[in-house]
mmCIF file of all heavy atoms, coordinates in Angstrom:
data_MODEL
# 
_entry.id   MODEL 
# 
loop_
_atom_site.group_PDB 
_atom_site.id 
_atom_site.type_symbol 
_atom_site.label_atom_id 
_atom_site.label_alt_id 
_atom_site.label_comp_id 
_atom_site.label_asym_id 
_atom_site.label_entity_id 
_atom_site.label_seq_id 
_atom_site.pdbx_PDB_ins_code 
_atom_site.Cartn_x 
_atom_site.Cartn_y 
_atom_site.Cartn_z 
_atom_site.occupancy 
_atom_site.B_iso_or_equiv 
_atom_site.pdbx_formal_charge 
_atom_site.auth_seq_id 
_atom_site.auth_comp_id 
_atom_site.auth_asym_id 
_atom_site.auth_atom_id 
_atom_site.pdbx_PDB_model_num 
ATOM 1   N N   . THR A 1 1  ? 82.232  94.426  120.949 1.00 0.00 ? 1  THR A N   1 
ATOM 2   C CA  . THR A 1 1  ? 82.990  93.356  120.291 1.00 0.00 ? 1  THR A CA  1 
ATOM 3   C C   . THR A 1 1  ? 82.953  93.508  118.783 1.00 0.00 ? 1  THR A C   1 
ATOM 4   O O   . THR A 1 1  ? 83.957  93.331  118.085 1.00 0.00 ? 1  THR A O   1 
ATOM 5   C CB  . THR A 1 1  ? 82.423  91.983  120.684 1.00 0.00 ? 1  THR A CB  1 
ATOM 6   O OG1 . THR A 1 1  ? 82.439  91.870  122.099 1.00 0.00 ? 1  THR A OG1 1 
ATOM 7   C CG2 . THR A 1 1  ? 83.258  90.864  120.073 1.00 0.00 ? 1  THR A CG2 1 
ATOM 8   N N   . ASN A 1 2  ? 81.777  93.870  118.259 1.00 0.00 ? 2  ASN A N   1 
ATOM 9   C CA  . ASN A 1 2  ? 81.630  94.043  116.821 1.00 0.00 ? 2  ASN A CA  1 
ATOM 10  C C   . ASN A 1 2  ? 82.454  95.212  116.315 1.00 0.00 ? 2  ASN A C   1 
ATOM 11  O O   . ASN A 1 2  ? 83.078  95.142  115.251 1.00 0.00 ? 2  ASN A O   1 
ATOM 12  C CB  . ASN A 1 2  ? 80.152  94.248  116.480 1.00 0.00 ? 2  ASN A CB  1 
ATOM 13  C CG  . ASN A 1 2  ? 79.925  94.299  114.977 1.00 0.00 ? 2  ASN A CG  1 
ATOM 14  O OD1 . ASN A 1 2  ? 80.233  93.350  114.284 1.00 0.00 ? 2  ASN A OD1 1 
ATOM 15  N ND2 . ASN A 1 2  ? 79.391  95.409  114.505 1.00 0.00 ? 2  ASN A ND2 1 
ATOM 16  N N   . VAL A 1 3  ? 82.465  96.316  117.098 1.00 0.00 ? 3  VAL A N   1 
ATOM 17  C CA  . VAL A 1 3  ? 83.273  97.471  116.708 1.00 0.00 ? 3  VAL A CA  1 
ATOM 18  C C   . VAL A 1 3  ? 84.743  97.115  116.707 1.00 0.00 ? 3  VAL A C   1 
ATOM 19  O O   . VAL A 1 3  ? 85.513  97.469  115.813 1.00 0.00 ? 3  VAL A O   1 
ATOM 20  C CB  . VAL A 1 3  ? 82.995  98.655  117.662 1.00 0.00 ? 3  VAL A CB  1 
ATOM 21  C CG1 . VAL A 1 3  ? 83.990  99.776  117.407 1.00 0.00 ? 3  VAL A CG1 1 
ATOM 22  C CG2 . VAL A 1 3  ? 81.566  99.154  117.474 1.00 0.00 ? 3  VAL A CG2 1 
ATOM 23  N N   . SER A 1 4  ? 85.166  96.335  117.759 1.00 0.00 ? 4  SER A N   1 
ATOM 24  C CA  . SER A 1 4  ? 86.562  95.893  117.819 1.00 0.00 ? 4  SER A CA  1 
ATOM 25  C C   . SER A 1 4  ? 86.914  95.006  116.643 1.00 0.00 ? 4  SER A C   1 
ATOM 26  O O   . SER A 1 4  ? 87.977  95.124  116.042 1.00 0.00 ? 4  SER A O   1 
ATOM 27  C CB  . SER A 1 4  ? 86.802  95.140  119.129 1.00 0.00 ? 4  SER A CB  1 
ATOM 28  O OG  . SER A 1 4  ? 88.110  94.650  119.191 1.00 0.00 ? 4  SER A OG  1 
ATOM 29  N N   . ALA A 1 5  ? 85.966  94.097  116.289 1.00 0.00 ? 5  ALA A N   1 
ATOM 30  C CA  . ALA A 1 5  ? 86.191  93.218  115.131 1.00 0.00 ? 5  ALA A CA  1 
ATOM 31  C C   . ALA A 1 5  ? 86.252  94.022  113.852 1.00 0.00 ? 5  ALA A C   1 
ATOM 32  O O   . ALA A 1 5  ? 87.044  93.736  112.952 1.00 0.00 ? 5  ALA A O   1 
ATOM 33  C CB  . ALA A 1 5  ? 85.081  92.172  115.059 1.00 0.00 ? 5  ALA A CB  1 
ATOM 34  N N   . GLN A 1 6  ? 85.391  95.069  113.779 1.00 0.00 ? 6  GLN A N   1 
ATOM 35  C CA  . GLN A 1 6  ? 85.396  95.905  112.576 1.00 0.00 ? 6  GLN A CA  1 
ATOM 36  C C   . GLN A 1 6  ? 86.721  96.636  112.444 1.00 0.00 ? 6  GLN A C   1 
ATOM 37  O O   . GLN A 1 6  ? 87.246  96.814  111.351 1.00 0.00 ? 6  GLN A O   1 
ATOM 38  C CB  . GLN A 1 6  ? 84.233  96.908  112.644 1.00 0.00 ? 6  GLN A CB  1 
ATOM 39  C CG  . GLN A 1 6  ? 84.049  97.703  111.357 1.00 0.00 ? 6  GLN A CG  1 
ATOM 40  C CD  . GLN A 1 6  ? 83.655  96.819  110.191 1.00 0.00 ? 6  GLN A CD  1 
ATOM 41  O OE1 . GLN A 1 6  ? 82.926  95.856  110.356 1.00 0.00 ? 6  GLN A OE1 1 
ATOM 42  N NE2 . GLN A 1 6  ? 84.153  97.129  109.008 1.00 0.00 ? 6  GLN A NE2 1 
ATOM 43  N N   . ASP A 1 7  ? 87.279  97.083  113.620 1.00 0.00 ? 7  ASP A N   1 
ATOM 44  C CA  . ASP A 1 7  ? 88.573  97.751  113.574 1.00 0.00 ? 7  ASP A CA  1 
ATOM 45  C C   . ASP A 1 7  ? 89.635  96.808  113.034 1.00 0.00 ? 7  ASP A C   1 
ATOM 46  O O   . ASP A 1 7  ? 90.519  97.192  112.276 1.00 0.00 ? 7  ASP A O   1 
ATOM 47  C CB  . ASP A 1 7  ? 88.970  98.230  114.976 1.00 0.00 ? 7  ASP A CB  1 
ATOM 48  C CG  . ASP A 1 7  ? 88.102  99.405  115.436 1.00 0.00 ? 7  ASP A CG  1 
ATOM 49  O OD1 . ASP A 1 7  ? 87.499  100.037 114.556 1.00 0.00 ? 7  ASP A OD1 1 
ATOM 50  O OD2 . ASP A 1 7  ? 88.021  99.652  116.653 1.00 0.00 ? 7  ASP A OD2 1 
ATOM 51  N N   . LYS A 1 8  ? 89.537  95.510  113.437 1.00 0.00 ? 8  LYS A N   1 
ATOM 52  C CA  . LYS A 1 8  ? 90.503  94.535  112.938 1.00 0.00 ? 8  LYS A CA  1 
ATOM 53  C C   . LYS A 1 8  ? 90.315  94.317  111.444 1.00 0.00 ? 8  LYS A C   1 
ATOM 54  O O   . LYS A 1 8  ? 91.269  94.125  110.700 1.00 0.00 ? 8  LYS A O   1 
ATOM 55  C CB  . LYS A 1 8  ? 90.338  93.217  113.694 1.00 0.00 ? 8  LYS A CB  1 
ATOM 56  C CG  . LYS A 1 8  ? 90.819  93.286  115.142 1.00 0.00 ? 8  LYS A CG  1 
ATOM 57  C CD  . LYS A 1 8  ? 90.710  91.929  115.820 1.00 0.00 ? 8  LYS A CD  1 
ATOM 58  C CE  . LYS A 1 8  ? 91.230  91.992  117.255 1.00 0.00 ? 8  LYS A CE  1 
ATOM 59  N NZ  . LYS A 1 8  ? 91.145  90.683  117.916 1.00 0.00 ? 8  LYS A NZ  1 
ATOM 60  N N   . LYS A 1 9  ? 89.042  94.347  111.010 1.00 0.00 ? 9  LYS A N   1 
ATOM 61  C CA  . LYS A 1 9  ? 88.778  94.140  109.590 1.00 0.00 ? 9  LYS A CA  1 
ATOM 62  C C   . LYS A 1 9  ? 89.336  95.282  108.755 1.00 0.00 ? 9  LYS A C   1 
ATOM 63  O O   . LYS A 1 9  ? 89.681  95.112  107.603 1.00 0.00 ? 9  LYS A O   1 
ATOM 64  C CB  . LYS A 1 9  ? 87.271  94.007  109.349 1.00 0.00 ? 9  LYS A CB  1 
ATOM 65  C CG  . LYS A 1 9  ? 86.690  92.688  109.837 1.00 0.00 ? 9  LYS A CG  1 
ATOM 66  C CD  . LYS A 1 9  ? 85.212  92.602  109.504 1.00 0.00 ? 9  LYS A CD  1 
ATOM 67  C CE  . LYS A 1 9  ? 84.623  91.278  109.988 1.00 0.00 ? 9  LYS A CE  1 
ATOM 68  N NZ  . LYS A 1 9  ? 83.192  91.164  109.657 1.00 0.00 ? 9  LYS A NZ  1 
ATOM 69  N N   . ASP A 1 10 ? 89.395  96.478  109.351 1.00 0.00 ? 10 ASP A N   1 
ATOM 70  C CA  . ASP A 1 10 ? 89.858  97.639  108.618 1.00 0.00 ? 10 ASP A CA  1 
ATOM 71  C C   . ASP A 1 10 ? 91.351  97.880  108.795 1.00 0.00 ? 10 ASP A C   1 
ATOM 72  O O   . ASP A 1 10 ? 91.843  98.958  108.498 1.00 0.00 ? 10 ASP A O   1 
ATOM 73  C CB  . ASP A 1 10 ? 89.071  98.881  109.068 1.00 0.00 ? 10 ASP A CB  1 
ATOM 74  C CG  . ASP A 1 10 ? 87.608  98.802  108.646 1.00 0.00 ? 10 ASP A CG  1 
ATOM 75  O OD1 . ASP A 1 10 ? 87.329  98.090  107.666 1.00 0.00 ? 10 ASP A OD1 1 
ATOM 76  O OD2 . ASP A 1 10 ? 86.760  99.438  109.298 1.00 0.00 ? 10 ASP A OD2 1 
ATOM 77  N N   . MET A 1 11 ? 92.085  96.888  109.304 1.00 0.00 ? 11 MET A N   1 
ATOM 78  C CA  . MET A 1 11 ? 93.516  97.046  109.496 1.00 0.00 ? 11 MET A CA  1 
ATOM 79  C C   . MET A 1 11 ? 94.227  97.158  108.153 1.00 0.00 ? 11 MET A C   1 
ATOM 80  O O   . MET A 1 11 ? 93.813  96.565  107.170 1.00 0.00 ? 11 MET A O   1 
ATOM 81  C CB  . MET A 1 11 ? 94.087  95.870  110.285 1.00 0.00 ? 11 MET A CB  1 
ATOM 82  C CG  . MET A 1 11 ? 93.766  95.874  111.769 1.00 0.00 ? 11 MET A CG  1 
ATOM 83  S SD  . MET A 1 11 ? 94.760  94.652  112.662 1.00 0.00 ? 11 MET A SD  1 
ATOM 84  C CE  . MET A 1 11 ? 94.397  93.169  111.742 1.00 0.00 ? 11 MET A CE  1 
ATOM 85  N N   . PHE A 1 12 ? 95.329  97.912  108.166 1.00 0.00 ? 12 PHE A N   1 
ATOM 86  C CA  . PHE A 1 12 ? 96.179  98.021  106.991 1.00 0.00 ? 12 PHE A CA  1 
ATOM 87  C C   . PHE A 1 12 ? 96.900  96.698  106.795 1.00 0.00 ? 12 PHE A C   1 
ATOM 88  O O   . PHE A 1 12 ? 97.708  96.285  107.628 1.00 0.00 ? 12 PHE A O   1 
ATOM 89  C CB  . PHE A 1 12 ? 97.172  99.165  107.188 1.00 0.00 ? 12 PHE A CB  1 
ATOM 90  C CG  . PHE A 1 12 ? 98.016  99.443  105.981 1.00 0.00 ? 12 PHE A CG  1 
ATOM 91  C CD1 . PHE A 1 12 ? 97.470  100.011 104.846 1.00 0.00 ? 12 PHE A CD1 1 
ATOM 92  C CD2 . PHE A 1 12 ? 99.367  99.137  105.978 1.00 0.00 ? 12 PHE A CD2 1 
ATOM 93  C CE1 . PHE A 1 12 ? 98.255  100.269 103.735 1.00 0.00 ? 12 PHE A CE1 1 
ATOM 94  C CE2 . PHE A 1 12 ? 100.152 99.388  104.868 1.00 0.00 ? 12 PHE A CE2 1 
ATOM 95  C CZ  . PHE A 1 12 ? 99.594  99.963  103.747 1.00 0.00 ? 12 PHE A CZ  1 
ATOM 96  N N   . ASN A 1 13 ? 96.622  96.012  105.699 1.00 0.00 ? 13 ASN A N   1 
ATOM 97  C CA  . ASN A 1 13 ? 97.153  94.670  105.482 1.00 0.00 ? 13 ASN A CA  1 
ATOM 98  C C   . ASN A 1 13 ? 97.452  94.458  104.000 1.00 0.00 ? 13 ASN A C   1 
ATOM 99  O O   . ASN A 1 13 ? 96.768  93.706  103.313 1.00 0.00 ? 13 ASN A O   1 
ATOM 100 C CB  . ASN A 1 13 ? 96.149  93.623  105.984 1.00 0.00 ? 13 ASN A CB  1 
ATOM 101 C CG  . ASN A 1 13 ? 96.713  92.216  105.947 1.00 0.00 ? 13 ASN A CG  1 
ATOM 102 O OD1 . ASN A 1 13 ? 97.925  92.015  106.015 1.00 0.00 ? 13 ASN A OD1 1 
ATOM 103 N ND2 . ASN A 1 13 ? 95.837  91.225  105.816 1.00 0.00 ? 13 ASN A ND2 1 
ATOM 104 N N   . PRO A 1 14 ? 98.480  95.124  103.476 1.00 0.00 ? 14 PRO A N   1 
ATOM 105 C CA  . PRO A 1 14 ? 98.778  95.008  102.045 1.00 0.00 ? 14 PRO A CA  1 
ATOM 106 C C   . PRO A 1 14 ? 99.359  93.655  101.682 1.00 0.00 ? 14 PRO A C   1 
ATOM 107 O O   . PRO A 1 14 ? 99.854  92.919  102.536 1.00 0.00 ? 14 PRO A O   1 
ATOM 108 C CB  . PRO A 1 14 ? 99.808  96.126  101.819 1.00 0.00 ? 14 PRO A CB  1 
ATOM 109 C CG  . PRO A 1 14 ? 100.487 96.269  103.145 1.00 0.00 ? 14 PRO A CG  1 
ATOM 110 C CD  . PRO A 1 14 ? 99.425  96.004  104.176 1.00 0.00 ? 14 PRO A CD  1 
ATOM 111 N N   . VAL A 1 15 ? 99.298  93.323  100.392 1.00 0.00 ? 15 VAL A N   1 
ATOM 112 C CA  . VAL A 1 15 ? 99.918  92.105  99.875  1.00 0.00 ? 15 VAL A CA  1 
ATOM 113 C C   . VAL A 1 15 ? 101.390 92.410  99.609  1.00 0.00 ? 15 VAL A C   1 
ATOM 114 O O   . VAL A 1 15 ? 101.712 93.313  98.838  1.00 0.00 ? 15 VAL A O   1 
ATOM 115 C CB  . VAL A 1 15 ? 99.219  91.628  98.587  1.00 0.00 ? 15 VAL A CB  1 
ATOM 116 C CG1 . VAL A 1 15 ? 99.899  90.380  98.052  1.00 0.00 ? 15 VAL A CG1 1 
ATOM 117 C CG2 . VAL A 1 15 ? 97.745  91.365  98.852  1.00 0.00 ? 15 VAL A CG2 1 
ATOM 118 N N   . ASN A 1 16 ? 102.278 91.656  100.247 1.00 0.00 ? 16 ASN A N   1 
ATOM 119 C CA  . ASN A 1 16 ? 103.715 91.931  100.155 1.00 0.00 ? 16 ASN A CA  1 
ATOM 120 C C   . ASN A 1 16 ? 104.374 91.074  99.079  1.00 0.00 ? 16 ASN A C   1 
ATOM 121 O O   . ASN A 1 16 ? 104.104 89.875  98.985  1.00 0.00 ? 16 ASN A O   1 
ATOM 122 C CB  . ASN A 1 16 ? 104.390 91.660  101.506 1.00 0.00 ? 16 ASN A CB  1 
ATOM 123 C CG  . ASN A 1 16 ? 103.860 92.542  102.609 1.00 0.00 ? 16 ASN A CG  1 
ATOM 124 O OD1 . ASN A 1 16 ? 103.716 93.742  102.427 1.00 0.00 ? 16 ASN A OD1 1 
ATOM 125 N ND2 . ASN A 1 16 ? 103.564 91.957  103.769 1.00 0.00 ? 16 ASN A ND2 1 
ATOM 126 N N   . THR A 1 17 ? 105.228 91.694  98.283  1.00 0.00 ? 17 THR A N   1 
ATOM 127 C CA  . THR A 1 17 ? 106.027 90.977  97.286  1.00 0.00 ? 17 THR A CA  1 
ATOM 128 C C   . THR A 1 17 ? 107.429 91.565  97.248  1.00 0.00 ? 17 THR A C   1 
ATOM 129 O O   . THR A 1 17 ? 107.678 92.670  97.743  1.00 0.00 ? 17 THR A O   1 
ATOM 130 C CB  . THR A 1 17 ? 105.420 91.075  95.871  1.00 0.00 ? 17 THR A CB  1 
ATOM 131 O OG1 . THR A 1 17 ? 105.573 92.422  95.385  1.00 0.00 ? 17 THR A OG1 1 
ATOM 132 C CG2 . THR A 1 17 ? 103.955 90.689  95.865  1.00 0.00 ? 17 THR A CG2 1 
ATOM 133 N N   . SER A 1 18 ? 108.329 90.833  96.648  1.00 0.00 ? 18 SER A N   1 
ATOM 134 C CA  . SER A 1 18 ? 109.655 91.370  96.353  1.00 0.00 ? 18 SER A CA  1 
ATOM 135 C C   . SER A 1 18 ? 109.614 91.996  94.953  1.00 0.00 ? 18 SER A C   1 
ATOM 136 O O   . SER A 1 18 ? 108.586 91.967  94.277  1.00 0.00 ? 18 SER A O   1 
ATOM 137 C CB  . SER A 1 18 ? 110.698 90.253  96.412  1.00 0.00 ? 18 SER A CB  1 
ATOM 138 O OG  . SER A 1 18 ? 110.361 89.241  95.479  1.00 0.00 ? 18 SER A OG  1 
ATOM 139 N N   . VAL A 1 19 ? 110.745 92.553  94.522  1.00 0.00 ? 19 VAL A N   1 
ATOM 140 C CA  . VAL A 1 19 ? 110.887 93.205  93.199  1.00 0.00 ? 19 VAL A CA  1 
ATOM 141 C C   . VAL A 1 19 ? 109.611 93.957  92.795  1.00 0.00 ? 19 VAL A C   1 
ATOM 142 O O   . VAL A 1 19 ? 109.043 93.734  91.727  1.00 0.00 ? 19 VAL A O   1 
ATOM 143 C CB  . VAL A 1 19 ? 111.317 92.213  92.101  1.00 0.00 ? 19 VAL A CB  1 
ATOM 144 C CG1 . VAL A 1 19 ? 112.760 91.833  92.273  1.00 0.00 ? 19 VAL A CG1 1 
ATOM 145 C CG2 . VAL A 1 19 ? 110.463 90.952  92.065  1.00 0.00 ? 19 VAL A CG2 1 
ATOM 146 N N   . THR A 1 20 ? 109.173 94.853  93.650  1.00 0.00 ? 20 THR A N   1 
ATOM 147 C CA  . THR A 1 20 ? 107.938 95.605  93.400  1.00 0.00 ? 20 THR A CA  1 
ATOM 148 C C   . THR A 1 20 ? 108.049 96.538  92.195  1.00 0.00 ? 20 THR A C   1 
ATOM 149 O O   . THR A 1 20 ? 107.032 97.012  91.686  1.00 0.00 ? 20 THR A O   1 
ATOM 150 C CB  . THR A 1 20 ? 107.550 96.430  94.634  1.00 0.00 ? 20 THR A CB  1 
ATOM 151 O OG1 . THR A 1 20 ? 108.661 97.260  95.020  1.00 0.00 ? 20 THR A OG1 1 
ATOM 152 C CG2 . THR A 1 20 ? 107.199 95.524  95.791  1.00 0.00 ? 20 THR A CG2 1 
ATOM 153 N N   . SER A 1 21 ? 109.268 96.796  91.734  1.00 0.00 ? 21 SER A N   1 
ATOM 154 C CA  . SER A 1 21 ? 109.425 97.648  90.557  1.00 0.00 ? 21 SER A CA  1 
ATOM 155 C C   . SER A 1 21 ? 108.776 97.034  89.322  1.00 0.00 ? 21 SER A C   1 
ATOM 156 O O   . SER A 1 21 ? 108.485 97.738  88.350  1.00 0.00 ? 21 SER A O   1 
ATOM 157 C CB  . SER A 1 21 ? 110.911 97.904  90.286  1.00 0.00 ? 21 SER A CB  1 
ATOM 158 O OG  . SER A 1 21 ? 111.596 96.693  89.995  1.00 0.00 ? 21 SER A OG  1 
ATOM 159 N N   . GLN A 1 22 ? 108.530 95.717  89.343  1.00 0.00 ? 22 GLN A N   1 
ATOM 160 C CA  . GLN A 1 22 ? 107.872 95.067  88.211  1.00 0.00 ? 22 GLN A CA  1 
ATOM 161 C C   . GLN A 1 22 ? 106.423 95.519  88.044  1.00 0.00 ? 22 GLN A C   1 
ATOM 162 O O   . GLN A 1 22 ? 105.828 95.314  86.991  1.00 0.00 ? 22 GLN A O   1 
ATOM 163 C CB  . GLN A 1 22 ? 107.906 93.544  88.397  1.00 0.00 ? 22 GLN A CB  1 
ATOM 164 C CG  . GLN A 1 22 ? 109.274 92.925  88.257  1.00 0.00 ? 22 GLN A CG  1 
ATOM 165 C CD  . GLN A 1 22 ? 109.779 92.965  86.830  1.00 0.00 ? 22 GLN A CD  1 
ATOM 166 O OE1 . GLN A 1 22 ? 109.075 92.618  85.882  1.00 0.00 ? 22 GLN A OE1 1 
ATOM 167 N NE2 . GLN A 1 22 ? 111.017 93.398  86.653  1.00 0.00 ? 22 GLN A NE2 1 
ATOM 168 N N   . THR A 1 23 ? 105.848 96.118  89.070  1.00 0.00 ? 23 THR A N   1 
ATOM 169 C CA  . THR A 1 23 ? 104.446 96.539  89.006  1.00 0.00 ? 23 THR A CA  1 
ATOM 170 C C   . THR A 1 23 ? 104.283 97.992  88.590  1.00 0.00 ? 23 THR A C   1 
ATOM 171 O O   . THR A 1 23 ? 103.157 98.478  88.469  1.00 0.00 ? 23 THR A O   1 
ATOM 172 C CB  . THR A 1 23 ? 103.764 96.339  90.372  1.00 0.00 ? 23 THR A CB  1 
ATOM 173 O OG1 . THR A 1 23 ? 104.382 97.193  91.348  1.00 0.00 ? 23 THR A OG1 1 
ATOM 174 C CG2 . THR A 1 23 ? 103.889 94.889  90.838  1.00 0.00 ? 23 THR A CG2 1 
ATOM 175 N N   . ILE A 1 24 ? 105.375 98.708  88.371  1.00 0.00 ? 24 ILE A N   1 
ATOM 176 C CA  . ILE A 1 24 ? 105.300 100.126 88.008  1.00 0.00 ? 24 ILE A CA  1 
ATOM 177 C C   . ILE A 1 24 ? 105.015 100.256 86.511  1.00 0.00 ? 24 ILE A C   1 
ATOM 178 O O   . ILE A 1 24 ? 105.734 99.693  85.682  1.00 0.00 ? 24 ILE A O   1 
ATOM 179 C CB  . ILE A 1 24 ? 106.607 100.858 88.350  1.00 0.00 ? 24 ILE A CB  1 
ATOM 180 C CG1 . ILE A 1 24 ? 106.911 100.734 89.847  1.00 0.00 ? 24 ILE A CG1 1 
ATOM 181 C CG2 . ILE A 1 24 ? 106.527 102.322 87.948  1.00 0.00 ? 24 ILE A CG2 1 
ATOM 182 C CD1 . ILE A 1 24 ? 108.261 101.304 90.240  1.00 0.00 ? 24 ILE A CD1 1 
ATOM 183 N N   . ALA A 1 25 ? 103.961 100.998 86.170  1.00 0.00 ? 25 ALA A N   1 
ATOM 184 C CA  . ALA A 1 25 ? 103.648 101.239 84.760  1.00 0.00 ? 25 ALA A CA  1 
ATOM 185 C C   . ALA A 1 25 ? 104.791 102.020 84.121  1.00 0.00 ? 25 ALA A C   1 
ATOM 186 O O   . ALA A 1 25 ? 105.138 103.109 84.590  1.00 0.00 ? 25 ALA A O   1 
ATOM 187 C CB  . ALA A 1 25 ? 102.344 102.016 84.635  1.00 0.00 ? 25 ALA A CB  1 
# 
């Protein structure tokens, strides 16, 4: 169960926004 929970914790979960070009240096 802990390994399964750890797999969930390590899921790819980025913060989504619109107009992402505003973050480009």
